C-alpha atoms as a PDB file:
ATOM      1  CA  UNK A   1      -1.961  19.847  25.301  1.00  0.00           C
ATOM      2  CA  UNK A   2       0.695  17.159  25.419  1.00  0.00           C
ATOM      3  CA  UNK A   3       0.870  14.294  28.032  1.00  0.00           C
ATOM      4  CA  UNK A   4       3.808  12.337  29.242  1.00  0.00           C
ATOM      5  CA  UNK A   5       4.144   8.859  28.267  1.00  0.00           C
ATOM      6  CA  UNK A   6       6.839   6.447  29.237  1.00  0.00           C
ATOM      7  CA  UNK A   7       7.659   3.484  27.612  1.00  0.00           C
ATOM      8  CA  UNK A   8       9.888   0.577  28.507  1.00  0.00           C
ATOM      9  CA  UNK A   9      11.738  -0.478  25.164  1.00  0.00           C
ATOM     10  CA  UNK A  10      14.901  -2.951  24.488  1.00  0.00           C
ATOM     11  CA  UNK A  11      17.982  -1.075  25.279  1.00  0.00           C
ATOM     12  CA  UNK A  12      18.924  -1.982  21.616  1.00  0.00           C
ATOM     13  CA  UNK A  13      16.149  -0.669  19.820  1.00  0.00           C
ATOM     14  CA  UNK A  14      16.272   2.515  21.802  1.00  0.00           C
ATOM     15  CA  UNK A  15      20.005   2.669  20.401  1.00  0.00           C
ATOM     16  CA  UNK A  16      18.951   2.184  17.226  1.00  0.00           C
ATOM     17  CA  UNK A  17      15.922   4.642  17.153  1.00  0.00           C
ATOM     18  CA  UNK A  18      18.082   7.350  18.547  1.00  0.00           C
ATOM     19  CA  UNK A  19      20.554   6.931  15.558  1.00  0.00           C
ATOM     20  CA  UNK A  20      17.486   7.091  12.968  1.00  0.00           C
ATOM     21  CA  UNK A  21      15.800   9.992  14.636  1.00  0.00           C
ATOM     22  CA  UNK A  22      18.973  11.941  14.393  1.00  0.00           C
ATOM     23  CA  UNK A  23      19.601  11.040  10.665  1.00  0.00           C
ATOM     24  CA  UNK A  24      15.989  12.127  10.107  1.00  0.00           C
ATOM     25  CA  UNK A  25      16.290  15.224  12.494  1.00  0.00           C
ATOM     26  CA  UNK A  26      13.132  14.539  14.404  1.00  0.00           C
ATOM     27  CA  UNK A  27      12.504  13.307  18.011  1.00  0.00           C
ATOM     28  CA  UNK A  28      11.829  10.001  19.237  1.00  0.00           C
ATOM     29  CA  UNK A  29       8.709  11.537  20.353  1.00  0.00           C
ATOM     30  CA  UNK A  30       7.563  12.854  17.171  1.00  0.00           C
ATOM     31  CA  UNK A  31       8.772   9.438  15.476  1.00  0.00           C
ATOM     32  CA  UNK A  32       6.341   7.421  18.261  1.00  0.00           C
ATOM     33  CA  UNK A  33       3.261  10.241  17.981  1.00  0.00           C
ATOM     34  CA  UNK A  34       3.611  10.213  14.219  1.00  0.00           C
ATOM     35  CA  UNK A  35       3.329   6.428  14.341  1.00  0.00           C
ATOM     36  CA  UNK A  36       0.172   6.400  16.821  1.00  0.00           C
ATOM     37  CA  UNK A  37      -1.443   8.477  14.274  1.00  0.00           C
ATOM     38  CA  UNK A  38      -1.207   6.002  11.642  1.00  0.00           C
ATOM     39  CA  UNK A  39      -2.093   3.061  13.528  1.00  0.00           C
ATOM     40  CA  UNK A  40      -4.959   5.015  14.742  1.00  0.00           C
ATOM     41  CA  UNK A  41      -6.477   6.982  11.845  1.00  0.00           C
ATOM     42  CA  UNK A  42      -9.778   5.483  10.721  1.00  0.00           C
ATOM     43  CA  UNK A  43      -9.504   4.085   7.569  1.00  0.00           C
ATOM     44  CA  UNK A  44     -12.710   4.624   4.908  1.00  0.00           C
ATOM     45  CA  UNK A  45     -13.672   1.242   3.250  1.00  0.00           C
ATOM     46  CA  UNK A  46     -13.874   1.966  -0.482  1.00  0.00           C
ATOM     47  CA  UNK A  47     -16.925  -0.131  -2.266  1.00  0.00           C
ATOM     48  CA  UNK A  48     -15.810  -2.346  -4.585  1.00  0.00           C
ATOM     49  CA  UNK A  49     -18.022  -1.218  -7.317  1.00  0.00           C
ATOM     50  CA  UNK A  50     -16.829   2.781  -6.470  1.00  0.00           C
ATOM     51  CA  UNK A  51     -13.374   1.240  -7.452  1.00  0.00           C
ATOM     52  CA  UNK A  52     -14.260  -0.477 -10.755  1.00  0.00           C
ATOM     53  CA  UNK A  53     -16.082   2.381 -11.964  1.00  0.00           C
ATOM     54  CA  UNK A  54     -13.379   4.358 -11.607  1.00  0.00           C
ATOM     55  CA  UNK A  55     -11.002   2.097 -14.032  1.00  0.00           C
ATOM     56  CA  UNK A  56     -10.646   3.129 -17.691  1.00  0.00           C
ATOM     57  CA  UNK A  57     -12.753   1.415 -19.858  1.00  0.00           C
ATOM     58  CA  UNK A  58     -10.968  -1.416 -21.614  1.00  0.00           C
ATOM     59  CA  UNK A  59      -9.215  -0.261 -25.316  1.00  0.00           C
ATOM     60  CA  UNK A  60      -9.824  -3.745 -27.921  1.00  0.00           C
ATOM     61  CA  UNK A  61     -11.580  -3.756 -31.331  1.00  0.00           C
ATOM     62  CA  UNK A  62     -15.310  -4.501 -30.597  1.00  0.00           C
ATOM     63  CA  UNK A  63     -15.498  -6.502 -33.785  1.00  0.00           C
ATOM     64  CA  UNK A  64     -12.907  -8.838 -32.999  1.00  0.00           C
ATOM     65  CA  UNK A  65     -13.630 -12.503 -32.738  1.00  0.00           C
ATOM     66  CA  UNK A  66     -12.473 -13.240 -29.165  1.00  0.00           C
ATOM     67  CA  UNK A  67     -13.103 -17.087 -29.688  1.00  0.00           C
ATOM     68  CA  UNK A  68     -11.130 -17.254 -33.026  1.00  0.00           C
ATOM     69  CA  UNK A  69      -8.007 -15.117 -31.163  1.00  0.00           C
ATOM     70  CA  UNK A  70      -7.967 -17.200 -28.052  1.00  0.00           C
ATOM     71  CA  UNK A  71      -7.792 -20.515 -30.421  1.00  0.00           C
ATOM     72  CA  UNK A  72      -5.044 -18.893 -32.451  1.00  0.00           C
ATOM     73  CA  UNK A  73      -3.415 -17.978 -28.970  1.00  0.00           C
ATOM     74  CA  UNK A  74      -3.507 -21.298 -27.707  1.00  0.00           C
ATOM     75  CA  UNK A  75      -2.263 -22.588 -31.120  1.00  0.00           C
ATOM     76  CA  UNK A  76       0.868 -20.676 -31.424  1.00  0.00           C
ATOM     77  CA  UNK A  77       1.556 -21.237 -27.596  1.00  0.00           C
ATOM     78  CA  UNK A  78       1.172 -24.848 -27.651  1.00  0.00           C
ATOM     79  CA  UNK A  79       1.685 -25.933 -30.718  1.00  0.00           C
ATOM     80  CA  UNK A  80      -1.635 -26.716 -32.756  1.00  0.00           C
END
């Protein structure tokens, strides 16, 4: 069931919203309703561990000497 709602907004904003709604072929009521839905829906916060477990594993050579590679990269970058 739908209910009526009276809003008071700036005339300039109303003019811009009317132009926008006409260009999108959607009523102002629908725009307001969609906005209210978007700000009122509950967001499910994800656990950081779940997000990390979804990541692809890193791709690098397990036999690579990372310390040596780091020093070589730094030497190239800073010229030592």
